[in-house]
Structures are given as C-alpha cells and as structure tokens.
Amino acid sequence: MTRGTRTARLVTALGTVVVLLSLMVVAAGPAGSAGPPGSPSPAGTYRLPLAGSADVVRAFEPPPARWAAGHRGIDLRSAPGTEVVSPVDGVVTYAGAVGGRPVVTVTDVEGRRSSVEPLVPAVGIGTLVTAGARLGTLVAEGSHCAPSACLHWGVRVGDDYVDPLGLLAGAGPAVLLPLDTAG
C-alpha cells in the first residue's frame, strides 16, 4: 500500500467519523423537538430553503415506481444570487456536484435528507446548521427552470422521496368545516 493510498483512506475515515459525530450531536439536541424515529416531522420544523419569497413553479410528482420517471422534489423560482438557507436543523452530509450541478444535502435528526440545487455552497460536510442558516447562493447554471433560475428542493426518507411542501408549517390533511347556513 502506497503512502498516498494510506493518506486517502485516513482522510476518508476521518471524514466519516466527523459526519457520524455531527449526527450524534444533532440527535442529542433539545428533547421533544421531534417524534420517534420515522415519524412525520412536526409542523413548523421545516421552512422554505430560500431567503425571501419563492414561487413554486413545479410541484412534487412521485413516480409510479421507484425507478420510473417523476419529479422528486419541487422547483422554487427565484433570482440568481438569492441566499439559499437550510430548510431544517441538521448536519451537512453532502456538498458537491451531482450530474454537473452543485448540491448541498442537510440530514435532520430523523435521518431525512433535504437536498437543494444549484447553488454555490457556503458550507462543507460536517457543518451543523439550524433552519434558516445560509447554505449558499442560487445560480442559474444547471437550473431546472432555464433560462430562468429556480432552486430544486428534494427530501428523501430512506430510499423514498417525499413532498417537501408536506413538511412545512400548516401542511397536513384538509379539514372540511360545516357550512354556516345561519349567516
């Protein structure tokens, strides 16, 4: 084994330890902030990953089968240079390119992974973030909305993608109210 190979393996092992320790710190956060593992996130624990206003230009379209076509997130129209923020408290578990687009992934205490793209990252792997903390800056290159700019936000639970809008405050089942015929 060459010295370069040993060094590369050591760096990889240290990076893994940092990520695991960071997840343990996040998991040991305030008690009662989330339900049991695998339970839905309490309303209000997620927020939109853009500072300022955002327009949903393409909604979540789950594929009929895990391997089939679909839109595994939402697209939020905004201007290039807009600040991209963490949608949830967690740890940055990925910051790099996927398919030529820059991506940042934040993993929450329940193991849900929120990924946002395309952005110039301002954080690195292992960074602990709170909801609303700066992750980077939106760029137009690689946007799903070209020639306009939009941020793609996807959330995975295990191997499955879920609708990110369902994690926001106010999300949940519709409640039908009786008609007020007296007024």
Protein backbone atom coordinates (compact mmCIF):
# COMPACT_ATOMS: atom_id res chain seq x y z
CA MET A 1 0.00 0.00 0.00
CA THR A 2 1.44 3.35 -1.02
CA ARG A 3 1.69 6.34 1.25
CA GLY A 4 -0.87 8.21 -0.92
CA THR A 5 -3.36 5.36 -0.59
CA ARG A 6 -2.92 5.26 3.20
CA THR A 7 -3.40 9.04 3.38
CA ALA A 8 -6.55 8.90 1.24
CA ARG A 9 -8.01 6.12 3.41
CA LEU A 10 -7.20 8.07 6.58
CA VAL A 11 -8.87 11.22 5.23
CA THR A 12 -11.96 9.20 4.24
CA ALA A 13 -12.13 7.54 7.66
CA LEU A 14 -11.75 10.88 9.46
CA GLY A 15 -14.49 12.43 7.31
CA THR A 16 -16.82 9.55 8.17
CA VAL A 17 -16.09 10.00 11.87
CA VAL A 18 -16.82 13.75 11.64
CA VAL A 19 -20.18 13.13 9.92
CA LEU A 20 -21.18 10.43 12.43
CA LEU A 21 -20.19 12.57 15.42
CA SER A 22 -22.07 15.53 13.96
CA LEU A 23 -25.21 13.42 13.54
CA MET A 24 -24.86 12.27 17.16
CA VAL A 25 -24.63 15.90 18.32
CA VAL A 26 -27.73 16.82 16.32
CA ALA A 27 -29.58 13.76 17.65
CA ALA A 28 -28.72 14.76 21.21
CA GLY A 29 -30.31 18.19 20.63
CA PRO A 30 -33.32 19.52 22.52
CA ALA A 31 -35.59 16.75 23.78
CA GLY A 32 -39.08 16.66 22.38
CA SER A 33 -38.15 18.51 19.19
CA ALA A 34 -39.29 15.62 17.01
CA GLY A 35 -41.29 12.45 17.33
CA PRO A 36 -40.00 8.89 17.34
CA PRO A 37 -37.66 7.86 14.52
CA GLY A 38 -39.50 7.54 11.23
CA SER A 39 -42.47 9.62 12.39
CA PRO A 40 -43.60 12.60 10.35
CA SER A 41 -41.84 15.86 11.15
CA PRO A 42 -43.90 18.09 13.44
CA ALA A 43 -45.48 21.05 11.64
CA GLY A 44 -43.25 24.07 11.58
CA THR A 45 -39.90 22.28 11.82
CA TYR A 46 -39.21 22.79 8.10
CA ARG A 47 -39.15 26.04 6.14
CA LEU A 48 -38.65 27.01 2.51
CA PRO A 49 -34.94 26.88 1.59
CA LEU A 50 -34.85 30.38 0.09
CA ALA A 51 -34.49 33.70 1.85
CA GLY A 52 -37.34 35.94 0.80
CA SER A 53 -40.28 34.91 -1.33
CA ALA A 54 -40.40 31.93 -3.66
CA ASP A 55 -42.83 30.80 -6.33
CA VAL A 56 -43.45 27.04 -6.74
CA VAL A 57 -43.13 26.54 -10.50
CA ARG A 58 -43.17 22.74 -10.50
CA ALA A 59 -44.71 20.56 -7.82
CA PHE A 60 -43.68 17.17 -6.49
CA GLU A 61 -44.68 14.34 -8.86
CA PRO A 62 -43.88 10.96 -7.29
CA PRO A 63 -43.00 8.25 -9.78
CA PRO A 64 -45.37 5.26 -10.08
CA ALA A 65 -42.39 3.03 -9.23
CA ARG A 66 -39.08 3.89 -7.51
CA TRP A 67 -37.17 3.50 -10.81
CA ALA A 68 -39.70 5.33 -13.03
CA ALA A 69 -39.75 8.94 -14.19
CA GLY A 70 -41.14 11.61 -11.91
CA HIS A 71 -40.25 14.92 -10.31
CA ARG A 72 -38.72 14.03 -6.95
CA GLY A 73 -38.92 17.47 -5.39
CA ILE A 74 -40.22 20.96 -6.04
CA ASP A 75 -38.82 23.85 -8.06
CA LEU A 76 -38.87 27.31 -6.47
CA ARG A 77 -38.40 30.25 -8.87
CA SER A 78 -36.10 32.96 -7.60
CA ALA A 79 -33.33 35.24 -8.83
CA PRO A 80 -29.69 34.22 -9.26
CA GLY A 81 -27.73 35.36 -6.21
CA THR A 82 -30.61 34.68 -3.81
CA GLU A 83 -29.48 33.25 -0.49
CA VAL A 84 -30.23 29.52 -0.11
CA VAL A 85 -30.88 28.53 3.51
CA SER A 86 -31.26 25.28 5.38
CA PRO A 87 -34.87 24.06 5.45
CA VAL A 88 -34.30 22.26 8.78
CA ASP A 89 -31.89 21.87 11.70
CA GLY A 90 -29.29 19.24 10.85
CA VAL A 91 -25.83 18.47 9.58
CA VAL A 92 -24.46 18.98 6.07
CA THR A 93 -23.83 15.46 4.78
CA TYR A 94 -23.02 16.37 1.17
CA ALA A 95 -21.67 19.44 -0.60
CA GLY A 96 -20.51 18.83 -4.15
CA ALA A 97 -21.59 18.14 -7.71
CA VAL A 98 -24.24 15.67 -8.85
CA GLY A 99 -24.72 15.39 -12.60
CA GLY A 100 -22.66 18.56 -13.05
CA ARG A 101 -24.91 20.60 -10.72
CA PRO A 102 -23.74 21.88 -7.32
CA VAL A 103 -25.80 20.30 -4.50
CA VAL A 104 -25.94 20.62 -0.70
CA THR A 105 -27.68 17.98 1.44
CA VAL A 106 -28.75 18.53 5.06
CA THR A 107 -29.69 15.50 7.15
CA ASP A 108 -32.05 16.08 10.06
CA VAL A 109 -32.17 14.26 13.40
CA GLU A 110 -34.69 11.73 11.99
CA GLY A 111 -32.40 10.90 9.05
CA ARG A 112 -34.43 12.75 6.38
CA ARG A 113 -32.15 14.20 3.71
CA SER A 114 -33.01 17.61 2.18
CA SER A 115 -31.08 18.37 -0.99
CA VAL A 116 -31.01 21.74 -2.74
CA GLU A 117 -29.53 22.64 -6.14
CA PRO A 118 -28.00 24.51 -7.98
CA LEU A 119 -26.12 26.73 -5.56
CA VAL A 120 -22.61 27.88 -4.82
CA PRO A 121 -22.08 26.16 -1.45
CA ALA A 122 -21.01 28.22 1.55
CA VAL A 123 -20.81 25.17 3.86
CA GLY A 124 -18.87 21.94 3.96
CA ILE A 125 -19.59 18.39 5.02
CA GLY A 126 -19.99 18.10 8.77
CA THR A 127 -21.27 21.65 9.29
CA LEU A 128 -24.08 21.82 11.86
CA VAL A 129 -26.85 24.13 10.66
CA THR A 130 -30.13 25.45 12.02
CA ALA A 131 -33.24 26.07 9.93
CA GLY A 132 -32.63 29.34 8.09
CA ALA A 133 -28.81 29.13 8.22
CA ARG A 134 -27.06 30.10 4.97
CA LEU A 135 -26.10 27.15 2.75
CA GLY A 136 -25.01 29.11 -0.31
CA THR A 137 -26.17 31.24 -3.23
CA LEU A 138 -28.59 30.28 -6.03
CA VAL A 139 -27.07 30.12 -9.51
CA ALA A 140 -28.82 29.91 -12.89
CA GLU A 141 -26.41 27.36 -14.39
CA GLY A 142 -27.91 23.89 -14.05
CA SER A 143 -31.35 25.21 -13.07
CA HIS A 144 -34.42 23.12 -13.89
CA CYS A 145 -36.09 26.36 -14.99
CA ALA A 146 -33.51 27.56 -17.53
CA PRO A 147 -33.18 30.20 -18.78
CA SER A 148 -34.71 31.46 -15.51
CA ALA A 149 -33.30 30.44 -12.14
CA CYS A 150 -35.03 28.18 -9.66
CA LEU A 151 -33.98 26.07 -6.73
CA HIS A 152 -34.80 22.37 -6.76
CA TRP A 153 -35.59 21.02 -3.27
CA GLY A 154 -35.97 17.31 -2.71
CA VAL A 155 -36.40 15.34 0.54
CA ARG A 156 -35.65 11.64 0.96
CA VAL A 157 -36.80 9.36 3.75
CA GLY A 158 -34.75 6.20 3.39
CA ASP A 159 -34.79 5.43 -0.34
CA ASP A 160 -38.08 7.24 -0.99
CA TYR A 161 -38.66 10.85 -1.93
CA VAL A 162 -41.45 12.75 -0.16
CA ASP A 163 -43.17 16.04 -0.98
CA PRO A 164 -41.15 18.79 0.76
CA LEU A 165 -44.24 21.01 0.98
CA GLY A 166 -45.80 18.40 3.27
CA LEU A 167 -43.11 19.19 5.89
CA LEU A 168 -43.90 22.91 6.13
CA ALA A 169 -45.95 24.60 8.84
CA GLY A 170 -49.64 24.37 8.01
CA ALA A 171 -49.21 21.24 5.91
CA GLY A 172 -51.43 18.34 6.67
CA PRO A 173 -54.80 16.90 5.82
CA ALA A 174 -57.56 19.25 4.71
CA VAL A 175 -60.29 19.69 7.28
CA LEU A 176 -63.77 20.31 5.93
CA LEU A 177 -65.95 22.61 8.02
CA PRO A 178 -69.75 22.69 8.01
CA LEU A 179 -71.49 25.43 6.04
CA ASP A 180 -72.81 28.22 8.19
CA THR A 181 -76.40 28.37 6.99
CA ALA A 182 -77.48 30.72 9.79
CA GLY A 183 -75.44 33.67 8.46
